[in-house]
Amino acid sequence: MNKRVLKFIKATAVSCFVLFLSLLVWANWSPKTYTEKNVPSDAKFLTFEVPDYNAELYPINIEKEVGAIDGISTCSYNSANKIIGVIFYTSKFNSNLLQEKLSLLLHCNVAEKKIEAVKGGCPVGGIKYFMLGIKQSLNFRQ
């Protein structure tokens, strides 16, 4: 092989090694945040439509009652659009079971609502989440 090619291969290998070491140091530079340590990674967010819910017949605080169910982190109710947003843990139950529990609690039909992604969103999001994924996978502290 040509000496130039070998020199190029060595320089590329050293550069890749230095880049990997830099990423490893960056990922482990600071300790994990409270959320990274204490919030389970199996949290999922779903929205449900409750068009038949009648607050006069069943006057409950939806956010409080749904949030009290074991396995649900938080709940938000939009009374104008009749939509419930729920963050739950998939280790406790799946979306079908959650839908059944909500139907029983609210005494009405509950349907999962798919939220469409908005075009022209934040252009930095993809890169940010890519780098956070790398940081999370290379972080060996705690």
N, C-alpha and C. Protein backbone atom coordinates (compact mmCIF):
# COMPACT_ATOMS: atom_id res chain seq x y z
N MET A 1 0.83 -1.18 0.00
CA MET A 1 0.00 0.00 0.00
C MET A 1 0.87 1.24 0.00
N ASN A 2 0.27 2.27 -0.46
CA ASN A 2 0.95 3.55 -0.52
C ASN A 2 1.07 4.14 0.88
N LYS A 3 2.15 4.86 1.16
CA LYS A 3 2.35 5.46 2.47
C LYS A 3 1.27 6.50 2.78
N ARG A 4 0.81 7.20 1.77
CA ARG A 4 -0.25 8.20 1.96
C ARG A 4 -1.56 7.55 2.42
N VAL A 5 -1.87 6.42 1.85
CA VAL A 5 -3.10 5.71 2.20
C VAL A 5 -3.02 5.22 3.64
N LEU A 6 -1.87 4.65 4.02
CA LEU A 6 -1.70 4.20 5.39
C LEU A 6 -1.77 5.36 6.38
N LYS A 7 -1.18 6.48 6.02
CA LYS A 7 -1.22 7.66 6.87
C LYS A 7 -2.67 8.15 7.03
N PHE A 8 -3.41 8.13 5.94
CA PHE A 8 -4.82 8.54 5.97
C PHE A 8 -5.65 7.60 6.86
N ILE A 9 -5.42 6.30 6.74
CA ILE A 9 -6.15 5.32 7.54
C ILE A 9 -5.83 5.50 9.03
N LYS A 10 -4.56 5.71 9.35
CA LYS A 10 -4.17 5.93 10.75
C LYS A 10 -4.82 7.20 11.30
N ALA A 11 -4.77 8.27 10.52
CA ALA A 11 -5.36 9.54 10.96
C ALA A 11 -6.86 9.40 11.17
N THR A 12 -7.53 8.68 10.29
CA THR A 12 -8.97 8.45 10.42
C THR A 12 -9.28 7.61 11.65
N ALA A 13 -8.50 6.57 11.89
CA ALA A 13 -8.71 5.72 13.06
C ALA A 13 -8.49 6.50 14.35
N VAL A 14 -7.44 7.29 14.41
CA VAL A 14 -7.17 8.09 15.61
C VAL A 14 -8.28 9.12 15.81
N SER A 15 -8.73 9.75 14.75
CA SER A 15 -9.81 10.74 14.85
C SER A 15 -11.09 10.09 15.36
N CYS A 16 -11.43 8.92 14.85
CA CYS A 16 -12.63 8.21 15.31
C CYS A 16 -12.51 7.82 16.78
N PHE A 17 -11.34 7.38 17.19
CA PHE A 17 -11.11 7.00 18.58
C PHE A 17 -11.23 8.21 19.50
N VAL A 18 -10.66 9.33 19.10
CA VAL A 18 -10.74 10.56 19.90
C VAL A 18 -12.19 11.04 19.96
N LEU A 19 -12.91 10.95 18.86
CA LEU A 19 -14.31 11.35 18.85
C LEU A 19 -15.14 10.47 19.80
N PHE A 20 -14.91 9.17 19.77
CA PHE A 20 -15.63 8.26 20.67
C PHE A 20 -15.30 8.56 22.13
N LEU A 21 -14.03 8.76 22.45
CA LEU A 21 -13.64 9.10 23.82
C LEU A 21 -14.26 10.42 24.26
N SER A 22 -14.33 11.38 23.36
CA SER A 22 -14.95 12.66 23.68
C SER A 22 -16.43 12.48 24.00
N LEU A 23 -17.13 11.68 23.21
CA LEU A 23 -18.55 11.40 23.47
C LEU A 23 -18.72 10.68 24.79
N LEU A 24 -17.84 9.76 25.09
CA LEU A 24 -17.92 9.01 26.35
C LEU A 24 -17.71 9.93 27.56
N VAL A 25 -16.75 10.82 27.47
CA VAL A 25 -16.52 11.78 28.56
C VAL A 25 -17.71 12.73 28.68
N TRP A 26 -18.23 13.22 27.57
CA TRP A 26 -19.38 14.13 27.59
C TRP A 26 -20.60 13.46 28.22
N ALA A 27 -20.85 12.21 27.88
CA ALA A 27 -22.01 11.50 28.40
C ALA A 27 -21.91 11.26 29.90
N ASN A 28 -20.72 11.12 30.42
CA ASN A 28 -20.54 10.83 31.84
C ASN A 28 -20.07 12.03 32.65
N TRP A 29 -20.04 13.20 32.06
CA TRP A 29 -19.53 14.39 32.72
C TRP A 29 -20.38 14.78 33.92
N SER A 30 -21.70 14.78 33.74
CA SER A 30 -22.58 15.17 34.85
C SER A 30 -23.41 13.97 35.29
N PRO A 31 -23.81 13.96 36.55
CA PRO A 31 -24.63 12.83 37.01
C PRO A 31 -26.01 12.87 36.37
N LYS A 32 -26.71 11.75 36.43
CA LYS A 32 -28.05 11.68 35.87
C LYS A 32 -28.98 12.63 36.62
N THR A 33 -29.95 13.18 35.91
CA THR A 33 -30.91 14.09 36.52
C THR A 33 -31.91 13.31 37.36
N TYR A 34 -32.71 14.03 38.13
CA TYR A 34 -33.72 13.41 38.96
C TYR A 34 -34.68 12.57 38.09
N THR A 35 -35.08 13.12 36.96
CA THR A 35 -36.01 12.41 36.08
C THR A 35 -35.39 11.13 35.54
N GLU A 36 -34.14 11.20 35.11
CA GLU A 36 -33.47 10.02 34.57
C GLU A 36 -33.33 8.92 35.62
N LYS A 37 -33.16 9.31 36.90
CA LYS A 37 -33.00 8.32 37.96
C LYS A 37 -34.32 7.77 38.46
N ASN A 38 -35.37 8.60 38.55
CA ASN A 38 -36.57 8.23 39.28
C ASN A 38 -37.82 7.97 38.45
N VAL A 39 -37.84 8.41 37.21
CA VAL A 39 -39.03 8.18 36.38
C VAL A 39 -38.80 6.96 35.52
N PRO A 40 -39.70 5.97 35.59
CA PRO A 40 -39.53 4.76 34.77
C PRO A 40 -39.51 5.11 33.28
N SER A 41 -38.75 4.35 32.55
CA SER A 41 -38.60 4.64 31.12
C SER A 41 -39.75 4.10 30.28
N ASP A 42 -40.71 3.41 30.91
CA ASP A 42 -41.81 2.85 30.14
C ASP A 42 -43.05 3.74 30.16
N ALA A 43 -42.87 5.04 30.45
CA ALA A 43 -43.99 5.97 30.46
C ALA A 43 -44.47 6.22 29.03
N LYS A 44 -45.78 6.31 28.86
CA LYS A 44 -46.37 6.52 27.54
C LYS A 44 -47.49 7.54 27.67
N PHE A 45 -47.66 8.37 26.65
CA PHE A 45 -48.71 9.39 26.65
C PHE A 45 -49.76 9.04 25.61
N LEU A 46 -51.01 9.04 26.02
CA LEU A 46 -52.12 8.81 25.10
C LEU A 46 -53.21 9.83 25.34
N THR A 47 -53.95 10.12 24.30
CA THR A 47 -55.12 11.00 24.42
C THR A 47 -56.37 10.21 24.10
N PHE A 48 -57.44 10.54 24.81
CA PHE A 48 -58.73 9.87 24.63
C PHE A 48 -59.82 10.90 24.47
N GLU A 49 -60.77 10.60 23.59
CA GLU A 49 -61.96 11.43 23.43
C GLU A 49 -63.06 10.90 24.34
N VAL A 50 -63.76 11.82 24.98
CA VAL A 50 -64.89 11.44 25.82
C VAL A 50 -66.09 12.33 25.45
N PRO A 51 -66.62 12.17 24.24
CA PRO A 51 -67.70 13.06 23.79
C PRO A 51 -69.01 12.86 24.55
N ASP A 52 -69.22 11.68 25.12
CA ASP A 52 -70.47 11.39 25.82
C ASP A 52 -70.41 11.68 27.31
N TYR A 53 -69.29 12.18 27.82
CA TYR A 53 -69.18 12.40 29.25
C TYR A 53 -70.09 13.56 29.67
N ASN A 54 -70.88 13.31 30.69
CA ASN A 54 -71.80 14.32 31.20
C ASN A 54 -71.39 14.67 32.63
N ALA A 55 -70.83 15.86 32.79
CA ALA A 55 -70.33 16.28 34.10
C ALA A 55 -71.46 16.52 35.09
N GLU A 56 -72.64 16.80 34.60
CA GLU A 56 -73.78 17.04 35.50
C GLU A 56 -74.26 15.74 36.14
N LEU A 57 -74.25 14.65 35.37
CA LEU A 57 -74.69 13.36 35.91
C LEU A 57 -73.63 12.73 36.81
N TYR A 58 -72.37 12.86 36.43
CA TYR A 58 -71.27 12.26 37.19
C TYR A 58 -70.25 13.34 37.53
N PRO A 59 -70.54 14.15 38.54
CA PRO A 59 -69.64 15.26 38.87
C PRO A 59 -68.41 14.79 39.66
N ILE A 60 -67.34 14.50 38.94
CA ILE A 60 -66.09 14.11 39.58
C ILE A 60 -64.97 14.99 39.04
N ASN A 61 -63.90 15.07 39.78
CA ASN A 61 -62.71 15.75 39.31
C ASN A 61 -61.92 14.72 38.51
N ILE A 62 -62.04 14.78 37.19
CA ILE A 62 -61.46 13.76 36.31
C ILE A 62 -59.96 13.64 36.52
N GLU A 63 -59.28 14.77 36.56
CA GLU A 63 -57.82 14.74 36.69
C GLU A 63 -57.40 14.06 37.99
N LYS A 64 -58.12 14.34 39.05
CA LYS A 64 -57.78 13.76 40.35
C LYS A 64 -58.12 12.27 40.40
N GLU A 65 -59.29 11.89 39.92
CA GLU A 65 -59.73 10.50 39.98
C GLU A 65 -58.89 9.60 39.07
N VAL A 66 -58.64 10.06 37.84
CA VAL A 66 -57.84 9.25 36.91
C VAL A 66 -56.40 9.21 37.37
N GLY A 67 -55.87 10.33 37.86
CA GLY A 67 -54.50 10.38 38.35
C GLY A 67 -54.26 9.49 39.56
N ALA A 68 -55.34 9.14 40.28
CA ALA A 68 -55.21 8.29 41.47
C ALA A 68 -55.11 6.81 41.13
N ILE A 69 -55.39 6.43 39.90
CA ILE A 69 -55.30 5.03 39.48
C ILE A 69 -53.83 4.61 39.50
N ASP A 70 -53.55 3.46 40.11
CA ASP A 70 -52.19 2.96 40.18
C ASP A 70 -51.67 2.67 38.77
N GLY A 71 -50.54 3.24 38.43
CA GLY A 71 -49.95 3.04 37.11
C GLY A 71 -50.12 4.25 36.22
N ILE A 72 -50.86 5.27 36.68
CA ILE A 72 -51.02 6.50 35.91
C ILE A 72 -50.22 7.59 36.61
N SER A 73 -49.38 8.25 35.84
CA SER A 73 -48.55 9.31 36.39
C SER A 73 -49.35 10.60 36.52
N THR A 74 -50.02 11.00 35.45
CA THR A 74 -50.76 12.25 35.47
C THR A 74 -51.86 12.22 34.42
N CYS A 75 -52.84 13.08 34.61
CA CYS A 75 -53.97 13.17 33.70
C CYS A 75 -54.34 14.63 33.53
N SER A 76 -54.77 14.99 32.33
CA SER A 76 -55.24 16.34 32.05
C SER A 76 -56.53 16.24 31.25
N TYR A 77 -57.53 17.05 31.63
CA TYR A 77 -58.83 17.01 30.96
C TYR A 77 -59.11 18.35 30.33
N ASN A 78 -59.44 18.34 29.04
CA ASN A 78 -59.82 19.54 28.31
C ASN A 78 -61.32 19.47 28.12
N SER A 79 -62.07 20.24 28.92
CA SER A 79 -63.53 20.16 28.87
C SER A 79 -64.11 20.77 27.60
N ALA A 80 -63.42 21.73 27.00
CA ALA A 80 -63.94 22.35 25.77
C ALA A 80 -63.94 21.35 24.61
N ASN A 81 -62.87 20.58 24.48
CA ASN A 81 -62.77 19.60 23.39
C ASN A 81 -63.14 18.19 23.82
N LYS A 82 -63.40 18.02 25.12
CA LYS A 82 -63.72 16.71 25.70
C LYS A 82 -62.64 15.67 25.37
N ILE A 83 -61.41 16.03 25.75
CA ILE A 83 -60.24 15.17 25.51
C ILE A 83 -59.50 14.99 26.83
N ILE A 84 -59.06 13.77 27.07
CA ILE A 84 -58.25 13.45 28.24
C ILE A 84 -56.86 13.04 27.77
N GLY A 85 -55.84 13.64 28.37
CA GLY A 85 -54.46 13.24 28.11
C GLY A 85 -53.94 12.51 29.33
N VAL A 86 -53.37 11.32 29.13
CA VAL A 86 -52.93 10.49 30.24
C VAL A 86 -51.50 10.01 30.01
N ILE A 87 -50.66 10.15 31.04
CA ILE A 87 -49.33 9.54 31.03
C ILE A 87 -49.41 8.35 31.97
N PHE A 88 -49.12 7.16 31.42
CA PHE A 88 -49.21 5.94 32.22
C PHE A 88 -47.99 5.08 31.97
N TYR A 89 -47.84 4.03 32.79
CA TYR A 89 -46.70 3.13 32.68
C TYR A 89 -47.15 1.82 32.06
N THR A 90 -46.48 1.44 30.98
CA THR A 90 -46.86 0.23 30.26
C THR A 90 -46.56 -1.03 31.07
N SER A 91 -45.74 -0.92 32.09
CA SER A 91 -45.48 -2.10 32.94
C SER A 91 -46.70 -2.42 33.81
N LYS A 92 -47.56 -1.45 34.05
CA LYS A 92 -48.75 -1.66 34.88
C LYS A 92 -49.93 -2.17 34.04
N PHE A 93 -50.18 -1.55 32.92
CA PHE A 93 -51.25 -2.00 32.02
C PHE A 93 -51.06 -1.40 30.64
N ASN A 94 -51.82 -1.93 29.67
CA ASN A 94 -51.71 -1.46 28.29
C ASN A 94 -52.81 -0.45 27.98
N SER A 95 -52.82 0.06 26.76
CA SER A 95 -53.77 1.11 26.40
C SER A 95 -55.21 0.61 26.40
N ASN A 96 -55.43 -0.66 26.04
CA ASN A 96 -56.80 -1.19 26.05
C ASN A 96 -57.37 -1.27 27.45
N LEU A 97 -56.56 -1.73 28.39
CA LEU A 97 -57.01 -1.79 29.78
C LEU A 97 -57.25 -0.39 30.34
N LEU A 98 -56.39 0.55 29.97
CA LEU A 98 -56.58 1.93 30.39
C LEU A 98 -57.89 2.48 29.85
N GLN A 99 -58.18 2.19 28.59
CA GLN A 99 -59.42 2.64 27.97
C GLN A 99 -60.64 2.06 28.70
N GLU A 100 -60.57 0.79 29.08
CA GLU A 100 -61.67 0.17 29.83
C GLU A 100 -61.85 0.82 31.20
N LYS A 101 -60.74 1.08 31.90
CA LYS A 101 -60.82 1.71 33.22
C LYS A 101 -61.43 3.10 33.12
N LEU A 102 -61.03 3.85 32.09
CA LEU A 102 -61.59 5.20 31.91
C LEU A 102 -63.08 5.13 31.60
N SER A 103 -63.49 4.17 30.79
CA SER A 103 -64.91 4.01 30.47
C SER A 103 -65.73 3.71 31.71
N LEU A 104 -65.21 2.83 32.57
CA LEU A 104 -65.92 2.49 33.81
C LEU A 104 -65.98 3.69 34.76
N LEU A 105 -64.89 4.41 34.87
CA LEU A 105 -64.83 5.54 35.80
C LEU A 105 -65.73 6.69 35.35
N LEU A 106 -65.76 6.95 34.06
CA LEU A 106 -66.51 8.11 33.54
C LEU A 106 -67.93 7.77 33.10
N HIS A 107 -68.27 6.48 33.09
CA HIS A 107 -69.62 6.03 32.70
C HIS A 107 -69.97 6.48 31.28
N CYS A 108 -69.02 6.38 30.37
CA CYS A 108 -69.28 6.74 28.96
C CYS A 108 -68.26 6.02 28.08
N ASN A 109 -68.48 6.11 26.78
CA ASN A 109 -67.55 5.51 25.82
C ASN A 109 -66.29 6.38 25.72
N VAL A 110 -65.16 5.73 25.79
CA VAL A 110 -63.87 6.43 25.68
C VAL A 110 -63.16 5.86 24.47
N ALA A 111 -62.72 6.74 23.57
CA ALA A 111 -62.03 6.30 22.35
C ALA A 111 -60.66 6.96 22.28
N GLU A 112 -59.66 6.16 21.91
CA GLU A 112 -58.31 6.71 21.78
C GLU A 112 -58.29 7.67 20.60
N LYS A 113 -57.65 8.82 20.79
CA LYS A 113 -57.56 9.83 19.75
C LYS A 113 -56.12 9.92 19.28
N LYS A 114 -55.93 9.71 18.00
CA LYS A 114 -54.59 9.82 17.41
C LYS A 114 -54.32 11.29 17.12
N ILE A 115 -53.19 11.76 17.60
CA ILE A 115 -52.80 13.14 17.35
C ILE A 115 -51.79 13.16 16.22
N GLU A 116 -52.10 13.94 15.21
CA GLU A 116 -51.23 14.04 14.05
C GLU A 116 -50.05 14.96 14.35
N ALA A 117 -48.91 14.61 13.82
CA ALA A 117 -47.74 15.46 13.96
C ALA A 117 -47.91 16.72 13.12
N VAL A 118 -47.46 17.83 13.64
CA VAL A 118 -47.58 19.10 12.95
C VAL A 118 -46.36 19.30 12.07
N LYS A 119 -46.61 19.61 10.79
CA LYS A 119 -45.49 19.87 9.89
C LYS A 119 -44.87 21.22 10.23
N GLY A 120 -43.59 21.32 9.99
CA GLY A 120 -42.90 22.57 10.25
C GLY A 120 -42.61 22.78 11.72
N GLY A 121 -42.49 21.68 12.45
CA GLY A 121 -42.17 21.77 13.88
C GLY A 121 -40.73 22.20 14.09
N CYS A 122 -40.25 22.00 15.26
CA CYS A 122 -38.90 22.42 15.61
C CYS A 122 -37.87 21.63 14.81
N PRO A 123 -37.01 22.32 14.06
CA PRO A 123 -36.02 21.60 13.25
C PRO A 123 -34.88 21.02 14.08
N VAL A 124 -34.72 21.49 15.31
CA VAL A 124 -33.63 21.03 16.15
C VAL A 124 -33.99 19.74 16.86
N GLY A 125 -35.28 19.43 16.97
CA GLY A 125 -35.74 18.29 17.74
C GLY A 125 -35.07 16.99 17.39
N GLY A 126 -34.95 16.66 16.11
CA GLY A 126 -34.36 15.39 15.70
C GLY A 126 -32.92 15.26 16.13
N ILE A 127 -32.14 16.29 15.93
CA ILE A 127 -30.74 16.27 16.32
C ILE A 127 -30.62 16.20 17.84
N LYS A 128 -31.45 16.99 18.52
CA LYS A 128 -31.40 17.01 19.99
C LYS A 128 -31.67 15.63 20.56
N TYR A 129 -32.73 14.97 20.08
CA TYR A 129 -33.08 13.66 20.61
C TYR A 129 -32.07 12.59 20.19
N PHE A 130 -31.47 12.75 19.04
CA PHE A 130 -30.41 11.85 18.61
C PHE A 130 -29.22 11.94 19.56
N MET A 131 -28.80 13.16 19.89
CA MET A 131 -27.66 13.35 20.79
C MET A 131 -28.01 12.90 22.21
N LEU A 132 -29.23 13.14 22.66
CA LEU A 132 -29.63 12.68 23.99
C LEU A 132 -29.66 11.15 24.05
N GLY A 133 -30.04 10.51 22.96
CA GLY A 133 -30.01 9.05 22.90
C GLY A 133 -28.60 8.51 23.01
N ILE A 134 -27.67 9.17 22.32
CA ILE A 134 -26.26 8.77 22.42
C ILE A 134 -25.76 8.97 23.85
N LYS A 135 -26.11 10.12 24.44
CA LYS A 135 -25.67 10.41 25.80
C LYS A 135 -26.22 9.38 26.77
N GLN A 136 -27.49 9.02 26.61
CA GLN A 136 -28.11 8.06 27.51
C GLN A 136 -27.47 6.68 27.39
N SER A 137 -27.15 6.28 26.18
CA SER A 137 -26.59 4.94 26.00
C SER A 137 -25.12 4.86 26.43
N LEU A 138 -24.41 5.98 26.42
CA LEU A 138 -23.00 5.97 26.83
C LEU A 138 -22.80 6.35 28.30
N ASN A 139 -23.86 6.75 29.00
CA ASN A 139 -23.72 7.17 30.38
C ASN A 139 -23.66 5.94 31.29
N PHE A 140 -22.51 5.73 31.93
CA PHE A 140 -22.33 4.59 32.81
C PHE A 140 -22.39 4.96 34.28
N ARG A 141 -22.54 6.25 34.58
CA ARG A 141 -22.57 6.69 35.98
C ARG A 141 -23.92 6.43 36.58
N GLN A 142 -23.93 6.00 37.82
CA GLN A 142 -25.12 5.75 38.65
C GLN A 142 -26.06 4.82 37.98
